[in-house]
C-alpha atoms as a PDB file:
ATOM      1  CA  MET A   1       0.000   0.000   0.000  1.00  0.00           C
ATOM      2  CA  ASN A   2       1.526   3.281  -1.153  1.00  0.00           C
ATOM      3  CA  LEU A   3       0.898   6.167   1.226  1.00  0.00           C
ATOM      4  CA  SER A   4       0.564   9.706  -0.045  1.00  0.00           C
ATOM      5  CA  ASN A   5       3.091  12.331   0.929  1.00  0.00           C
ATOM      6  CA  ARG A   6       0.336  14.171   2.789  1.00  0.00           C
ATOM      7  CA  MET A   7      -0.279  11.158   5.021  1.00  0.00           C
ATOM      8  CA  LEU A   8       3.427  10.846   5.771  1.00  0.00           C
ATOM      9  CA  MET A   9       3.660  14.560   6.540  1.00  0.00           C
ATOM     10  CA  ALA A  10       0.580  14.388   8.776  1.00  0.00           C
ATOM     11  CA  ALA A  11       2.101  11.467  10.699  1.00  0.00           C
ATOM     12  CA  ALA A  12       5.384  13.357  11.164  1.00  0.00           C
ATOM     13  CA  ILE A  13       3.468  16.398  12.464  1.00  0.00           C
ATOM     14  CA  CYS A  14       1.535  14.130  14.849  1.00  0.00           C
ATOM     15  CA  CYS A  15       4.877  12.828  16.159  1.00  0.00           C
ATOM     16  CA  ALA A  16       5.866  16.401  17.019  1.00  0.00           C
ATOM     17  CA  LEU A  17       2.495  16.973  18.698  1.00  0.00           C
ATOM     18  CA  CYS A  18       2.913  13.747  20.690  1.00  0.00           C
ATOM     19  CA  ILE A  19       6.285  14.968  21.957  1.00  0.00           C
ATOM     20  CA  LEU A  20       4.706  18.281  22.964  1.00  0.00           C
ATOM     21  CA  LEU A  21       1.775  16.592  24.731  1.00  0.00           C
ATOM     22  CA  SER A  22       4.070  14.214  26.646  1.00  0.00           C
ATOM     23  CA  SER A  23       6.205  17.139  27.781  1.00  0.00           C
ATOM     24  CA  ILE A  24       3.101  19.049  28.906  1.00  0.00           C
ATOM     25  CA  ALA A  25       1.816  15.995  30.785  1.00  0.00           C
ATOM     26  CA  ILE A  26       5.126  15.468  32.602  1.00  0.00           C
ATOM     27  CA  GLY A  27       5.325  19.124  33.605  1.00  0.00           C
ATOM     28  CA  ALA A  28       1.671  19.343  34.684  1.00  0.00           C
ATOM     29  CA  ASN A  29       1.956  16.172  36.744  1.00  0.00           C
ATOM     30  CA  GLU A  30       5.047  17.435  38.535  1.00  0.00           C
ATOM     31  CA  ILE A  31       3.330  20.732  39.355  1.00  0.00           C
ATOM     32  CA  ALA A  32       0.293  18.842  40.687  1.00  0.00           C
ATOM     33  CA  PHE A  33       2.423  16.478  42.772  1.00  0.00           C
ATOM     34  CA  SER A  34       4.372  19.409  44.214  1.00  0.00           C
ATOM     35  CA  HIS A  35       1.085  20.681  45.664  1.00  0.00           C
ATOM     36  CA  ILE A  36      -0.581  17.385  46.585  1.00  0.00           C
ATOM     37  CA  ASP A  37       0.691  13.948  47.570  1.00  0.00           C
ATOM     38  CA  PRO A  38       0.432  11.485  44.623  1.00  0.00           C
ATOM     39  CA  ASP A  39      -1.455   9.008  46.846  1.00  0.00           C
ATOM     40  CA  ASN A  40      -4.085  11.604  47.745  1.00  0.00           C
ATOM     41  CA  LEU A  41      -6.556  10.901  44.924  1.00  0.00           C
ATOM     42  CA  LEU A  42      -9.258  12.944  46.615  1.00  0.00           C
ATOM     43  CA  GLY A  43      -7.004  16.008  46.500  1.00  0.00           C
ATOM     44  CA  LEU A  44      -5.707  15.318  42.999  1.00  0.00           C
ATOM     45  CA  CYS A  45      -9.223  15.137  41.566  1.00  0.00           C
ATOM     46  CA  GLN A  46      -9.587  18.844  42.368  1.00  0.00           C
ATOM     47  CA  GLU A  47      -6.138  19.814  41.033  1.00  0.00           C
ATOM     48  CA  ILE A  48      -6.343  21.497  37.628  1.00  0.00           C
ATOM     49  CA  TYR A  49      -2.781  20.521  36.630  1.00  0.00           C
ATOM     50  CA  TYR A  50      -3.520  16.838  37.271  1.00  0.00           C
ATOM     51  CA  THR A  51      -6.537  17.142  34.966  1.00  0.00           C
ATOM     52  CA  ILE A  52      -4.406  18.859  32.317  1.00  0.00           C
ATOM     53  CA  ALA A  53      -1.875  16.007  32.490  1.00  0.00           C
ATOM     54  CA  SER A  54      -4.631  13.406  32.075  1.00  0.00           C
ATOM     55  CA  TRP A  55      -6.040  15.198  29.030  1.00  0.00           C
ATOM     56  CA  ALA A  56      -2.554  15.557  27.538  1.00  0.00           C
ATOM     57  CA  PHE A  57      -1.917  11.818  27.890  1.00  0.00           C
ATOM     58  CA  LEU A  58      -5.354  11.072  26.411  1.00  0.00           C
ATOM     59  CA  LEU A  59      -4.722  13.259  23.354  1.00  0.00           C
ATOM     60  CA  TYR A  60      -1.237  11.747  23.058  1.00  0.00           C
ATOM     61  CA  ASP A  61      -2.723   8.255  22.759  1.00  0.00           C
ATOM     62  CA  LEU A  62      -5.183   9.357  20.081  1.00  0.00           C
ATOM     63  CA  LEU A  63      -2.424  10.885  17.935  1.00  0.00           C
ATOM     64  CA  HIS A  64      -0.085   7.992  18.701  1.00  0.00           C
ATOM     65  CA  ILE A  65      -2.584   5.549  17.192  1.00  0.00           C
ATOM     66  CA  PHE A  66      -2.472   7.456  13.888  1.00  0.00           C
ATOM     67  CA  VAL A  67       1.343   7.568  13.940  1.00  0.00           C
ATOM     68  CA  ILE A  68       1.627   3.831  14.616  1.00  0.00           C
ATOM     69  CA  ILE A  69      -0.853   2.971  11.854  1.00  0.00           C
ATOM     70  CA  ILE A  70       1.076   5.030   9.287  1.00  0.00           C
ATOM     71  CA  PHE A  71       4.461   3.672  10.444  1.00  0.00           C
ATOM     72  CA  ALA A  72       3.153   0.089  10.335  1.00  0.00           C
ATOM     73  CA  LEU A  73       1.687   0.610   6.848  1.00  0.00           C
ATOM     74  CA  VAL A  74       5.038   1.937   5.634  1.00  0.00           C
ATOM     75  CA  LEU A  75       6.851  -1.101   7.021  1.00  0.00           C
ATOM     76  CA  ALA A  76       4.130  -3.463   5.746  1.00  0.00           C
ATOM     77  CA  GLN A  77       5.088  -2.595   2.165  1.00  0.00           C
ATOM     78  CA  THR A  78       8.172  -4.797   2.604  1.00  0.00           C
ATOM     79  CA  PHE A  79       7.880  -6.651   5.908  1.00  0.00           C
ATOM     80  CA  SER A  80       4.203  -7.474   5.962  1.00  0.00           C
ATOM     81  CA  TRP A  81       3.367  -9.846   8.804  1.00  0.00           C
ATOM     82  CA  GLU A  82       5.711  -8.344  11.426  1.00  0.00           C
ATOM     83  CA  ALA A  83       4.432  -4.844  10.670  1.00  0.00           C
ATOM     84  CA  TRP A  84       0.776  -5.928  10.785  1.00  0.00           C
ATOM     85  CA  MET A  85       1.305  -7.802  14.070  1.00  0.00           C
ATOM     86  CA  GLY A  86       3.250  -4.936  15.635  1.00  0.00           C
ATOM     87  CA  GLY A  87       0.892  -2.235  14.421  1.00  0.00           C
ATOM     88  CA  GLY A  88      -2.236  -4.129  15.482  1.00  0.00           C
ATOM     89  CA  ALA A  89      -0.914  -4.940  18.956  1.00  0.00           C
ATOM     90  CA  SER A  90       0.304  -1.347  19.457  1.00  0.00           C
ATOM     91  CA  VAL A  91      -3.100   0.069  18.504  1.00  0.00           C
ATOM     92  CA  ILE A  92      -4.837  -2.282  20.971  1.00  0.00           C
ATOM     93  CA  SER A  93      -2.317  -1.188  23.625  1.00  0.00           C
ATOM     94  CA  SER A  94      -3.119   2.480  23.014  1.00  0.00           C
ATOM     95  CA  LEU A  95      -6.874   1.790  23.093  1.00  0.00           C
ATOM     96  CA  ALA A  96      -6.453   0.051  26.464  1.00  0.00           C
ATOM     97  CA  ASP A  97      -4.499   3.052  27.759  1.00  0.00           C
ATOM     98  CA  ILE A  98      -7.216   5.403  26.490  1.00  0.00           C
ATOM     99  CA  SER A  99      -9.820   3.308  28.320  1.00  0.00           C
ATOM    100  CA  SER A 100      -7.806   3.390  31.550  1.00  0.00           C
ATOM    101  CA  LEU A 101      -7.308   7.153  31.309  1.00  0.00           C
ATOM    102  CA  SER A 102     -11.004   7.630  30.539  1.00  0.00           C
ATOM    103  CA  VAL A 103     -12.027   5.643  33.619  1.00  0.00           C
ATOM    104  CA  ASN A 104      -9.756   7.831  35.756  1.00  0.00           C
ATOM    105  CA  LEU A 105     -10.719  11.081  34.068  1.00  0.00           C
ATOM    106  CA  PHE A 106     -14.463  10.673  33.598  1.00  0.00           C
ATOM    107  CA  LEU A 107     -15.502   8.186  36.301  1.00  0.00           C
ATOM    108  CA  LEU A 108     -13.089   8.058  39.250  1.00  0.00           C
ATOM    109  CA  THR A 109     -12.217  11.755  39.243  1.00  0.00           C
ATOM    110  CA  ALA A 110     -15.888  12.740  38.878  1.00  0.00           C
ATOM    111  CA  THR A 111     -16.885  10.436  41.746  1.00  0.00           C
ATOM    112  CA  LEU A 112     -14.141  11.710  44.050  1.00  0.00           C
ATOM    113  CA  ARG A 113     -14.984  15.313  43.180  1.00  0.00           C
ATOM    114  CA  ALA A 114     -18.601  14.633  44.120  1.00  0.00           C
ATOM    115  CA  ILE A 115     -17.479  13.160  47.457  1.00  0.00           C
ATOM    116  CA  ALA A 116     -15.286  16.204  48.097  1.00  0.00           C
ATOM    117  CA  GLU A 117     -18.310  18.423  47.477  1.00  0.00           C
ATOM    118  CA  GLY A 118     -20.420  16.389  49.898  1.00  0.00           C
ATOM    119  CA  LYS A 119     -22.663  14.822  47.263  1.00  0.00           C
ATOM    120  CA  ALA A 120     -24.001  11.268  47.521  1.00  0.00           C
ATOM    121  CA  THR A 121     -22.390   8.838  45.044  1.00  0.00           C
ATOM    122  CA  GLY A 122     -23.630   5.462  46.213  1.00  0.00           C
ATOM    123  CA  LEU A 123     -20.031   4.260  46.532  1.00  0.00           C
ATOM    124  CA  VAL A 124     -18.275   3.985  49.879  1.00  0.00           C
ATOM    125  CA  THR A 125     -14.789   3.304  48.498  1.00  0.00           C
ATOM    126  CA  PRO A 126     -14.866   4.142  44.781  1.00  0.00           C
ATOM    127  CA  GLU A 127     -11.067   3.833  44.456  1.00  0.00           C
ATOM    128  CA  ALA A 128     -11.164   0.069  45.085  1.00  0.00           C
ATOM    129  CA  GLY A 129     -13.538  -0.807  42.244  1.00  0.00           C
ATOM    130  CA  TYR A 130     -12.001   1.547  39.725  1.00  0.00           C
ATOM    131  CA  ASP A 131      -8.506   0.369  40.668  1.00  0.00           C
ATOM    132  CA  VAL A 132      -9.418  -3.181  39.598  1.00  0.00           C
ATOM    133  CA  ILE A 133     -10.756  -1.924  36.267  1.00  0.00           C
ATOM    134  CA  CYS A 134      -7.726   0.289  35.636  1.00  0.00           C
ATOM    135  CA  SER A 135      -5.280  -2.461  36.652  1.00  0.00           C
ATOM    136  CA  THR A 136      -6.880  -4.829  34.136  1.00  0.00           C
ATOM    137  CA  LEU A 137      -6.696  -2.216  31.391  1.00  0.00           C
ATOM    138  CA  ASP A 138      -3.126  -1.318  32.369  1.00  0.00           C
ATOM    139  CA  PHE A 139      -2.122  -4.993  32.112  1.00  0.00           C
ATOM    140  CA  ALA A 140      -3.692  -5.193  28.646  1.00  0.00           C
ATOM    141  CA  GLN A 141      -1.913  -1.982  27.654  1.00  0.00           C
ATOM    142  CA  ALA A 142       1.472  -3.227  28.873  1.00  0.00           C
ATOM    143  CA  SER A 143       1.086  -6.737  27.395  1.00  0.00           C
ATOM    144  CA  PHE A 144      -0.027  -5.639  23.941  1.00  0.00           C
ATOM    145  CA  GLY A 145       2.516  -2.804  24.073  1.00  0.00           C
ATOM    146  CA  LEU A 146       5.286  -5.362  24.608  1.00  0.00           C
ATOM    147  CA  VAL A 147       4.136  -7.480  21.666  1.00  0.00           C
ATOM    148  CA  GLY A 148       3.621  -4.432  19.455  1.00  0.00           C
ATOM    149  CA  THR A 149       7.023  -2.949  20.236  1.00  0.00           C
ATOM    150  CA  LEU A 150       8.756  -6.287  19.593  1.00  0.00           C
ATOM    151  CA  PHE A 151       7.202  -6.881  16.177  1.00  0.00           C
ATOM    152  CA  LEU A 152       7.434  -3.260  15.031  1.00  0.00           C
ATOM    153  CA  ALA A 153      11.090  -3.196  16.061  1.00  0.00           C
ATOM    154  CA  THR A 154      11.704  -6.443  14.157  1.00  0.00           C
ATOM    155  CA  ALA A 155      10.109  -5.060  10.997  1.00  0.00           C
ATOM    156  CA  ALA A 156      11.920  -1.712  11.308  1.00  0.00           C
ATOM    157  CA  ILE A 157      15.334  -3.332  11.880  1.00  0.00           C
ATOM    158  CA  LYS A 158      14.925  -5.246   8.633  1.00  0.00           C
ATOM    159  CA  ALA A 159      14.367  -1.955   6.800  1.00  0.00           C
ATOM    160  CA  SER A 160      17.072   0.506   5.805  1.00  0.00           C
ATOM    161  CA  GLY A 161      18.067   4.045   6.692  1.00  0.00           C
ATOM    162  CA  GLN A 162      16.387   5.911   9.523  1.00  0.00           C
ATOM    163  CA  ALA A 163      13.698   3.232   9.912  1.00  0.00           C
ATOM    164  CA  LYS A 164      16.393   0.752  10.982  1.00  0.00           C
ATOM    165  CA  VAL A 165      17.630   3.254  13.603  1.00  0.00           C
ATOM    166  CA  ALA A 166      14.054   3.618  14.877  1.00  0.00           C
ATOM    167  CA  GLY A 167      13.804  -0.163  15.118  1.00  0.00           C
ATOM    168  CA  TRP A 168      16.902  -0.401  17.311  1.00  0.00           C
ATOM    169  CA  PHE A 169      15.600   2.353  19.586  1.00  0.00           C
ATOM    170  CA  LEU A 170      12.293   0.501  19.923  1.00  0.00           C
ATOM    171  CA  LEU A 171      14.170  -2.688  20.770  1.00  0.00           C
ATOM    172  CA  VAL A 172      16.321  -0.942  23.390  1.00  0.00           C
ATOM    173  CA  GLY A 173      13.152   0.305  25.098  1.00  0.00           C
ATOM    174  CA  LEU A 174      11.711  -3.215  25.313  1.00  0.00           C
ATOM    175  CA  PRO A 175      12.797  -3.800  28.970  1.00  0.00           C
ATOM    176  CA  ILE A 176      10.559  -0.886  30.001  1.00  0.00           C
ATOM    177  CA  SER A 177       7.589  -2.843  28.617  1.00  0.00           C
ATOM    178  CA  PHE A 178       8.490  -5.766  30.886  1.00  0.00           C
ATOM    179  CA  LEU A 179       8.667  -3.398  33.862  1.00  0.00           C
ATOM    180  CA  GLN A 180       5.254  -1.985  32.963  1.00  0.00           C
ATOM    181  CA  ILE A 181       3.760  -5.473  33.099  1.00  0.00           C
ATOM    182  CA  GLY A 182       5.441  -6.215  36.430  1.00  0.00           C
ATOM    183  CA  GLU A 183       4.292  -2.997  38.097  1.00  0.00           C
ATOM    184  CA  VAL A 184       0.579  -3.336  37.278  1.00  0.00           C
ATOM    185  CA  GLY A 185      -1.446  -2.942  40.464  1.00  0.00           C
ATOM    186  CA  MET A 186       1.607  -2.042  42.538  1.00  0.00           C
ATOM    187  CA  HIS A 187       2.005   1.252  44.387  1.00  0.00           C
ATOM    188  CA  ALA A 188       5.678   1.593  45.273  1.00  0.00           C
ATOM    189  CA  PRO A 189       8.220   4.427  44.912  1.00  0.00           C
ATOM    190  CA  TRP A 190       9.906   2.780  41.916  1.00  0.00           C
ATOM    191  CA  THR A 191       6.582   2.352  40.102  1.00  0.00           C
ATOM    192  CA  ALA A 192       5.864   6.060  40.625  1.00  0.00           C
ATOM    193  CA  VAL A 193       9.204   6.939  39.001  1.00  0.00           C
ATOM    194  CA  LEU A 194       8.427   4.541  36.152  1.00  0.00           C
ATOM    195  CA  ASP A 195       4.994   6.048  35.514  1.00  0.00           C
ATOM    196  CA  ARG A 196       5.956   9.701  35.976  1.00  0.00           C
ATOM    197  CA  TRP A 197       9.346   9.827  34.240  1.00  0.00           C
ATOM    198  CA  VAL A 198      10.691   6.653  32.627  1.00  0.00           C
ATOM    199  CA  THR A 199       7.660   5.693  30.537  1.00  0.00           C
ATOM    200  CA  PRO A 200       6.835   9.229  29.256  1.00  0.00           C
ATOM    201  CA  ILE A 201      10.478   9.930  28.383  1.00  0.00           C
ATOM    202  CA  ASP A 202      10.722   6.571  26.590  1.00  0.00           C
ATOM    203  CA  GLU A 203       7.582   7.505  24.627  1.00  0.00           C
ATOM    204  CA  ILE A 204       9.120  10.861  23.697  1.00  0.00           C
ATOM    205  CA  ILE A 205      12.278   9.140  22.406  1.00  0.00           C
ATOM    206  CA  GLN A 206      10.172   6.680  20.397  1.00  0.00           C
ATOM    207  CA  GLN A 207       8.178   9.513  18.847  1.00  0.00           C
ATOM    208  CA  ILE A 208      11.395  11.340  17.925  1.00  0.00           C
ATOM    209  CA  VAL A 209      12.953   8.355  16.131  1.00  0.00           C
ATOM    210  CA  ILE A 210       9.687   7.376  14.412  1.00  0.00           C
ATOM    211  CA  GLY A 211       9.176  10.994  13.341  1.00  0.00           C
ATOM    212  CA  LEU A 212      12.698  11.147  11.914  1.00  0.00           C
ATOM    213  CA  ALA A 213      12.092   7.870  10.072  1.00  0.00           C
ATOM    214  CA  LEU A 214       8.853   9.200   8.576  1.00  0.00           C
ATOM    215  CA  CYS A 215      10.596  12.436   7.548  1.00  0.00           C
ATOM    216  CA  ALA A 216      13.356  10.423   5.853  1.00  0.00           C
ATOM    217  CA  ILE A 217      10.778   8.315   3.998  1.00  0.00           C
ATOM    218  CA  LEU A 218       8.893  11.474   2.985  1.00  0.00           C
ATOM    219  CA  ASN A 219      12.135  13.041   1.731  1.00  0.00           C
ATOM    220  CA  ARG A 220      12.912   9.954  -0.394  1.00  0.00           C
ATOM    221  CA  SER A 221       9.383  10.001  -1.790  1.00  0.00           C
ATOM    222  CA  LEU A 222       9.646  13.677  -2.757  1.00  0.00           C
ATOM    223  CA  LYS A 223      13.026  13.136  -4.414  1.00  0.00           C
ATOM    224  CA  ALA A 224      11.697  10.137  -6.320  1.00  0.00           C
ATOM    225  CA  ARG A 225       8.725  12.213  -7.516  1.00  0.00           C
ATOM    226  CA  ASP A 226      11.059  15.015  -8.648  1.00  0.00           C
ATOM    227  CA  ARG A 227      13.277  12.548 -10.544  1.00  0.00           C
ATOM    228  CA  LYS A 228      10.232  11.035 -12.214  1.00  0.00           C
ATOM    229  CA  GLY A 229       9.052  14.499 -13.216  1.00  0.00           C
ATOM    230  CA  GLU A 230      12.461  15.332 -14.660  1.00  0.00           C
ATOM    231  CA  GLU A 231      12.488  12.071 -16.615  1.00  0.00           C
ATOM    232  CA  VAL A 232       9.045  12.814 -18.038  1.00  0.00           C
ATOM    233  CA  VAL A 233      10.156  16.304 -19.077  1.00  0.00           C
ATOM    234  CA  ALA A 234      13.389  14.945 -20.583  1.00  0.00           C
ATOM    235  CA  GLY A 235      11.438  12.271 -22.460  1.00  0.00           C
ATOM    236  CA  ALA A 236       9.013  14.839 -23.823  1.00  0.00           C
ATOM    237  CA  ALA A 237      11.943  17.046 -24.901  1.00  0.00           C
ATOM    238  CA  ARG A 238      13.604  14.150 -26.739  1.00  0.00           C
ATOM    239  CA  ALA A 239      10.343  13.255 -28.463  1.00  0.00           C
ATOM    240  CA  ALA A 240       9.872  16.872 -29.535  1.00  0.00           C
ATOM    241  CA  SER A 241      13.427  17.052 -30.906  1.00  0.00           C
ATOM    242  CA  VAL A 242      12.890  13.888 -32.971  1.00  0.00           C
ATOM    243  CA  HIS A 243       9.781  15.389 -34.542  1.00  0.00           C
END
């Protein structure tokens, strides 16, 4: 499947937006946690910076899905089954993360805010039930993310140029996926560091290398189009000279 230059350019722009959103989310989270203890969910639900971080991560996942689909389609032109497996698993991973964020943003946060305002919710300990749901979704996100990263990295490494570099970066980040699986449901200092810093920074690096790979592919496509145009013009000129 040949992708248009506009699609490649749109994916590269989305990579840049993903980097921006991740940076905003990291900064907003740190501001929120400087005011309120990370374990104080009741306080965090009323913190505007915590809400901004959640929205930034949610928008990141939506754009990330588009980037992964385009990157997988590019790789599928040569390395079909690895790219399809990696792209499909990565999309499912992002959808699971979107679901987990949505539960926190639209259900848990709303319930805790209602409790803080003294409104009846019908739930005595809402954190417990939502924590089970989010842990299940987080496990799905981490598991499919591991599979997706592995197969996308395999397909990218078999490619050439900047795509191969992106593949090696994806492969280097694979241990973080194992840590994400192991930390599901845990609330320890090292898991907080993993969630707040290691994972977002790893995502930023991945977006940078994928964006560079897409830009390199776009550049090759534009050069190939220019050469084809020059050949057509040269052919027309030769035909005109013969006549």
